[in-house]
Amino acid sequence: MTTIKMDDSRTQYDVEENYGRVCDLIRSTQGKGDKFLELTESDYGKVWININNILSVRANG
């Protein structure tokens, strides 16, 4: 599981994807010129995250 904290410093998502996978997806999304990433959040299910608003990505566990 990975925690993604957003730049508003209040919102964070605990996603089911592991840290390495999240980092790869962010790089891939940036490389394509896209802004949004679809991940699986533990409480909400599928969520779309704007990669321009990510403050930090942290591995849990």
PDB file of N, CA and C in Angstrom:
ATOM      1  N   MET A   1       0.844  -1.170   0.000  1.00  0.00           N
ATOM      2  CA  MET A   1       0.000   0.000   0.000  1.00  0.00           C
ATOM      3  C   MET A   1       0.895   1.241   0.000  1.00  0.00           C
ATOM      4  N   THR A   2       0.367   2.298  -0.607  1.00  0.00           N
ATOM      5  CA  THR A   2       1.107   3.546  -0.761  1.00  0.00           C
ATOM      6  C   THR A   2       0.205   4.715  -0.368  1.00  0.00           C
ATOM      7  N   THR A   3       0.762   5.719   0.302  1.00  0.00           N
ATOM      8  CA  THR A   3       0.012   6.920   0.652  1.00  0.00           C
ATOM      9  C   THR A   3       0.453   8.056  -0.258  1.00  0.00           C
ATOM     10  N   ILE A   4      -0.531   8.702  -0.875  1.00  0.00           N
ATOM     11  CA  ILE A   4      -0.282   9.870  -1.715  1.00  0.00           C
ATOM     12  C   ILE A   4      -0.906  11.066  -1.025  1.00  0.00           C
ATOM     13  N   LYS A   5      -0.080  12.041  -0.684  1.00  0.00           N
ATOM     14  CA  LYS A   5      -0.564  13.270  -0.035  1.00  0.00           C
ATOM     15  C   LYS A   5      -0.634  14.352  -1.107  1.00  0.00           C
ATOM     16  N   MET A   6      -1.759  15.074  -1.098  1.00  0.00           N
ATOM     17  CA  MET A   6      -1.970  16.114  -2.093  1.00  0.00           C
ATOM     18  C   MET A   6      -1.475  17.461  -1.574  1.00  0.00           C
ATOM     19  N   ASP A   7      -1.278  18.401  -2.499  1.00  0.00           N
ATOM     20  CA  ASP A   7      -0.665  19.683  -2.133  1.00  0.00           C
ATOM     21  C   ASP A   7      -1.553  20.601  -1.305  1.00  0.00           C
ATOM     22  N   ASP A   8      -2.809  20.225  -1.065  1.00  0.00           N
ATOM     23  CA  ASP A   8      -3.630  21.035  -0.163  1.00  0.00           C
ATOM     24  C   ASP A   8      -3.329  20.698   1.300  1.00  0.00           C
ATOM     25  N   SER A   9      -2.441  19.737   1.522  1.00  0.00           N
ATOM     26  CA  SER A   9      -1.969  19.293   2.846  1.00  0.00           C
ATOM     27  C   SER A   9      -3.056  18.688   3.722  1.00  0.00           C
ATOM     28  N   ARG A  10      -4.237  18.484   3.203  1.00  0.00           N
ATOM     29  CA  ARG A  10      -5.316  17.844   3.957  1.00  0.00           C
ATOM     30  C   ARG A  10      -5.730  16.517   3.348  1.00  0.00           C
ATOM     31  N   THR A  11      -5.723  16.451   2.026  1.00  0.00           N
ATOM     32  CA  THR A  11      -6.204  15.269   1.331  1.00  0.00           C
ATOM     33  C   THR A  11      -5.071  14.271   1.141  1.00  0.00           C
ATOM     34  N   GLN A  12      -5.371  13.019   1.467  1.00  0.00           N
ATOM     35  CA  GLN A  12      -4.417  11.965   1.165  1.00  0.00           C
ATOM     36  C   GLN A  12      -5.180  10.713   0.780  1.00  0.00           C
ATOM     37  N   TYR A  13      -4.547   9.909  -0.061  1.00  0.00           N
ATOM     38  CA  TYR A  13      -5.150   8.678  -0.551  1.00  0.00           C
ATOM     39  C   TYR A  13      -4.250   7.511  -0.182  1.00  0.00           C
ATOM     40  N   ASP A  14      -4.835   6.474   0.389  1.00  0.00           N
ATOM     41  CA  ASP A  14      -4.127   5.225   0.649  1.00  0.00           C
ATOM     42  C   ASP A  14      -4.498   4.273  -0.479  1.00  0.00           C
ATOM     43  N   VAL A  15      -3.595   4.138  -1.433  1.00  0.00           N
ATOM     44  CA  VAL A  15      -3.894   3.333  -2.619  1.00  0.00           C
ATOM     45  C   VAL A  15      -3.330   1.927  -2.471  1.00  0.00           C
ATOM     46  N   GLU A  16      -3.969   0.982  -3.147  1.00  0.00           N
ATOM     47  CA  GLU A  16      -3.580  -0.414  -3.042  1.00  0.00           C
ATOM     48  C   GLU A  16      -2.317  -0.747  -3.839  1.00  0.00           C
ATOM     49  N   GLU A  17      -1.979   0.062  -4.843  1.00  0.00           N
ATOM     50  CA  GLU A  17      -0.793  -0.177  -5.651  1.00  0.00           C
ATOM     51  C   GLU A  17       0.464   0.052  -4.811  1.00  0.00           C
ATOM     52  N   ASN A  18       1.520  -0.723  -5.090  1.00  0.00           N
ATOM     53  CA  ASN A  18       2.748  -0.549  -4.314  1.00  0.00           C
ATOM     54  C   ASN A  18       3.515   0.694  -4.789  1.00  0.00           C
ATOM     55  N   TYR A  19       4.470   1.115  -3.978  1.00  0.00           N
ATOM     56  CA  TYR A  19       5.225   2.352  -4.201  1.00  0.00           C
ATOM     57  C   TYR A  19       5.894   2.378  -5.574  1.00  0.00           C
ATOM     58  N   GLY A  20       6.566   1.300  -5.942  1.00  0.00           N
ATOM     59  CA  GLY A  20       7.265   1.245  -7.233  1.00  0.00           C
ATOM     60  C   GLY A  20       6.311   1.400  -8.400  1.00  0.00           C
ATOM     61  N   ARG A  21       5.162   0.755  -8.303  1.00  0.00           N
ATOM     62  CA  ARG A  21       4.148   0.838  -9.365  1.00  0.00           C
ATOM     63  C   ARG A  21       3.607   2.263  -9.477  1.00  0.00           C
ATOM     64  N   VAL A  22       3.343   2.911  -8.354  1.00  0.00           N
ATOM     65  CA  VAL A  22       2.836   4.286  -8.374  1.00  0.00           C
ATOM     66  C   VAL A  22       3.860   5.212  -9.021  1.00  0.00           C
ATOM     67  N   CYS A  23       5.121   5.080  -8.661  1.00  0.00           N
ATOM     68  CA  CYS A  23       6.176   5.928  -9.245  1.00  0.00           C
ATOM     69  C   CYS A  23       6.288   5.703 -10.749  1.00  0.00           C
ATOM     70  N   ASP A  24       6.213   4.440 -11.179  1.00  0.00           N
ATOM     71  CA  ASP A  24       6.253   4.133 -12.617  1.00  0.00           C
ATOM     72  C   ASP A  24       5.069   4.757 -13.346  1.00  0.00           C
ATOM     73  N   LEU A  25       3.889   4.675 -12.751  1.00  0.00           N
ATOM     74  CA  LEU A  25       2.693   5.254 -13.374  1.00  0.00           C
ATOM     75  C   LEU A  25       2.788   6.771 -13.472  1.00  0.00           C
ATOM     76  N   ILE A  26       3.340   7.417 -12.447  1.00  0.00           N
ATOM     77  CA  ILE A  26       3.511   8.873 -12.490  1.00  0.00           C
ATOM     78  C   ILE A  26       4.461   9.262 -13.615  1.00  0.00           C
ATOM     79  N   ARG A  27       5.596   8.573 -13.711  1.00  0.00           N
ATOM     80  CA  ARG A  27       6.567   8.867 -14.784  1.00  0.00           C
ATOM     81  C   ARG A  27       5.960   8.631 -16.157  1.00  0.00           C
ATOM     82  N   SER A  28       5.230   7.552 -16.306  1.00  0.00           N
ATOM     83  CA  SER A  28       4.600   7.215 -17.579  1.00  0.00           C
ATOM     84  C   SER A  28       3.560   8.269 -17.967  1.00  0.00           C
ATOM     85  N   THR A  29       2.772   8.694 -16.999  1.00  0.00           N
ATOM     86  CA  THR A  29       1.745   9.703 -17.242  1.00  0.00           C
ATOM     87  C   THR A  29       2.385  11.030 -17.644  1.00  0.00           C
ATOM     88  N   GLN A  30       3.457  11.414 -16.972  1.00  0.00           N
ATOM     89  CA  GLN A  30       4.174  12.649 -17.314  1.00  0.00           C
ATOM     90  C   GLN A  30       4.764  12.550 -18.714  1.00  0.00           C
ATOM     91  N   GLY A  31       5.322  11.388 -19.043  1.00  0.00           N
ATOM     92  CA  GLY A  31       5.943  11.183 -20.351  1.00  0.00           C
ATOM     93  C   GLY A  31       4.961  11.309 -21.506  1.00  0.00           C
ATOM     94  N   LYS A  32       3.723  10.937 -21.256  1.00  0.00           N
ATOM     95  CA  LYS A  32       2.680  11.030 -22.292  1.00  0.00           C
ATOM     96  C   LYS A  32       2.059  12.413 -22.356  1.00  0.00           C
ATOM     97  N   GLY A  33       2.385  13.269 -21.393  1.00  0.00           N
ATOM     98  CA  GLY A  33       1.804  14.603 -21.347  1.00  0.00           C
ATOM     99  C   GLY A  33       0.423  14.631 -20.713  1.00  0.00           C
ATOM    100  N   ASP A  34       0.029  13.527 -20.089  1.00  0.00           N
ATOM    101  CA  ASP A  34      -1.266  13.470 -19.400  1.00  0.00           C
ATOM    102  C   ASP A  34      -1.132  14.057 -18.003  1.00  0.00           C
ATOM    103  N   LYS A  35      -2.268  14.328 -17.368  1.00  0.00           N
ATOM    104  CA  LYS A  35      -2.259  14.907 -16.026  1.00  0.00           C
ATOM    105  C   LYS A  35      -2.896  14.003 -14.984  1.00  0.00           C
ATOM    106  N   PHE A  36      -3.720  13.048 -15.410  1.00  0.00           N
ATOM    107  CA  PHE A  36      -4.489  12.261 -14.453  1.00  0.00           C
ATOM    108  C   PHE A  36      -4.063  10.804 -14.434  1.00  0.00           C
ATOM    109  N   LEU A  37      -4.124  10.250 -13.249  1.00  0.00           N
ATOM    110  CA  LEU A  37      -3.698   8.889 -12.975  1.00  0.00           C
ATOM    111  C   LEU A  37      -4.852   8.182 -12.279  1.00  0.00           C
ATOM    112  N   GLU A  38      -5.199   6.970 -12.730  1.00  0.00           N
ATOM    113  CA  GLU A  38      -6.269   6.210 -12.082  1.00  0.00           C
ATOM    114  C   GLU A  38      -5.651   5.173 -11.158  1.00  0.00           C
ATOM    115  N   LEU A  39      -6.028   5.231  -9.884  1.00  0.00           N
ATOM    116  CA  LEU A  39      -5.519   4.306  -8.881  1.00  0.00           C
ATOM    117  C   LEU A  39      -6.682   3.744  -8.072  1.00  0.00           C
ATOM    118  N   THR A  40      -6.408   2.689  -7.303  1.00  0.00           N
ATOM    119  CA  THR A  40      -7.433   2.075  -6.469  1.00  0.00           C
ATOM    120  C   THR A  40      -7.217   2.495  -5.029  1.00  0.00           C
ATOM    121  N   GLU A  41      -8.128   3.307  -4.507  1.00  0.00           N
ATOM    122  CA  GLU A  41      -8.053   3.803  -3.131  1.00  0.00           C
ATOM    123  C   GLU A  41      -8.781   2.824  -2.225  1.00  0.00           C
ATOM    124  N   SER A  42      -8.262   2.611  -1.021  1.00  0.00           N
ATOM    125  CA  SER A  42      -8.797   1.589  -0.124  1.00  0.00           C
ATOM    126  C   SER A  42     -10.236   1.860   0.325  1.00  0.00           C
ATOM    127  N   ASP A  43     -10.642   3.122   0.480  1.00  0.00           N
ATOM    128  CA  ASP A  43     -11.998   3.442   0.923  1.00  0.00           C
ATOM    129  C   ASP A  43     -12.952   3.777  -0.221  1.00  0.00           C
ATOM    130  N   TYR A  44     -12.448   4.442  -1.257  1.00  0.00           N
ATOM    131  CA  TYR A  44     -13.308   4.978  -2.309  1.00  0.00           C
ATOM    132  C   TYR A  44     -13.340   4.145  -3.588  1.00  0.00           C
ATOM    133  N   GLY A  45     -12.491   3.158  -3.721  1.00  0.00           N
ATOM    134  CA  GLY A  45     -12.411   2.402  -4.969  1.00  0.00           C
ATOM    135  C   GLY A  45     -11.523   3.136  -5.961  1.00  0.00           C
ATOM    136  N   LYS A  46     -11.912   3.153  -7.228  1.00  0.00           N
ATOM    137  CA  LYS A  46     -11.118   3.821  -8.266  1.00  0.00           C
ATOM    138  C   LYS A  46     -11.187   5.331  -8.108  1.00  0.00           C
ATOM    139  N   VAL A  47     -10.029   5.986  -8.118  1.00  0.00           N
ATOM    140  CA  VAL A  47      -9.964   7.445  -8.036  1.00  0.00           C
ATOM    141  C   VAL A  47      -9.041   7.969  -9.129  1.00  0.00           C
ATOM    142  N   TRP A  48      -9.325   9.169  -9.600  1.00  0.00           N
ATOM    143  CA  TRP A  48      -8.459   9.864 -10.550  1.00  0.00           C
ATOM    144  C   TRP A  48      -7.697  10.931  -9.778  1.00  0.00           C
ATOM    145  N   ILE A  49      -6.386  10.937  -9.930  1.00  0.00           N
ATOM    146  CA  ILE A  49      -5.528  11.878  -9.209  1.00  0.00           C
ATOM    147  C   ILE A  49      -4.772  12.729 -10.221  1.00  0.00           C
ATOM    148  N   ASN A  50      -4.814  14.044 -10.023  1.00  0.00           N
ATOM    149  CA  ASN A  50      -4.062  14.961 -10.867  1.00  0.00           C
ATOM    150  C   ASN A  50      -2.607  14.935 -10.395  1.00  0.00           C
ATOM    151  N   ILE A  51      -1.699  14.499 -11.263  1.00  0.00           N
ATOM    152  CA  ILE A  51      -0.300  14.354 -10.839  1.00  0.00           C
ATOM    153  C   ILE A  51       0.359  15.700 -10.550  1.00  0.00           C
ATOM    154  N   ASN A  52      -0.200  16.788 -11.060  1.00  0.00           N
ATOM    155  CA  ASN A  52       0.357  18.114 -10.778  1.00  0.00           C
ATOM    156  C   ASN A  52       0.069  18.569  -9.351  1.00  0.00           C
ATOM    157  N   ASN A  53      -0.856  17.890  -8.665  1.00  0.00           N
ATOM    158  CA  ASN A  53      -1.233  18.271  -7.301  1.00  0.00           C
ATOM    159  C   ASN A  53      -0.686  17.330  -6.232  1.00  0.00           C
ATOM    160  N   ILE A  54       0.203  16.436  -6.602  1.00  0.00           N
ATOM    161  CA  ILE A  54       0.782  15.501  -5.641  1.00  0.00           C
ATOM    162  C   ILE A  54       1.914  16.192  -4.885  1.00  0.00           C
ATOM    163  N   LEU A  55       1.827  16.148  -3.553  1.00  0.00           N
ATOM    164  CA  LEU A  55       2.873  16.707  -2.699  1.00  0.00           C
ATOM    165  C   LEU A  55       3.917  15.640  -2.373  1.00  0.00           C
ATOM    166  N   SER A  56       3.457  14.449  -1.995  1.00  0.00           N
ATOM    167  CA  SER A  56       4.405  13.381  -1.658  1.00  0.00           C
ATOM    168  C   SER A  56       3.791  12.011  -1.896  1.00  0.00           C
ATOM    169  N   VAL A  57       4.684  11.037  -2.083  1.00  0.00           N
ATOM    170  CA  VAL A  57       4.309   9.632  -2.231  1.00  0.00           C
ATOM    171  C   VAL A  57       5.141   8.854  -1.240  1.00  0.00           C
ATOM    172  N   ARG A  58       4.466   8.066  -0.384  1.00  0.00           N
ATOM    173  CA  ARG A  58       5.169   7.342   0.679  1.00  0.00           C
ATOM    174  C   ARG A  58       4.732   5.877   0.706  1.00  0.00           C
ATOM    175  N   ALA A  59       5.712   4.986   0.798  1.00  0.00           N
ATOM    176  CA  ALA A  59       5.431   3.559   0.907  1.00  0.00           C
ATOM    177  C   ALA A  59       5.006   3.245   2.329  1.00  0.00           C
ATOM    178  N   ASN A  60       4.013   2.394   2.488  1.00  0.00           N
ATOM    179  CA  ASN A  60       3.551   1.941   3.803  1.00  0.00           C
ATOM    180  C   ASN A  60       3.869   0.455   3.960  1.00  0.00           C
ATOM    181  N   GLY A  61       4.373   0.115   5.118  1.00  0.00           N
ATOM    182  CA  GLY A  61       4.579  -1.299   5.399  1.00  0.00           C
ATOM    183  C   GLY A  61       5.942  -1.792   5.230  1.00  0.00           C
TER     184      GLY A  61
END
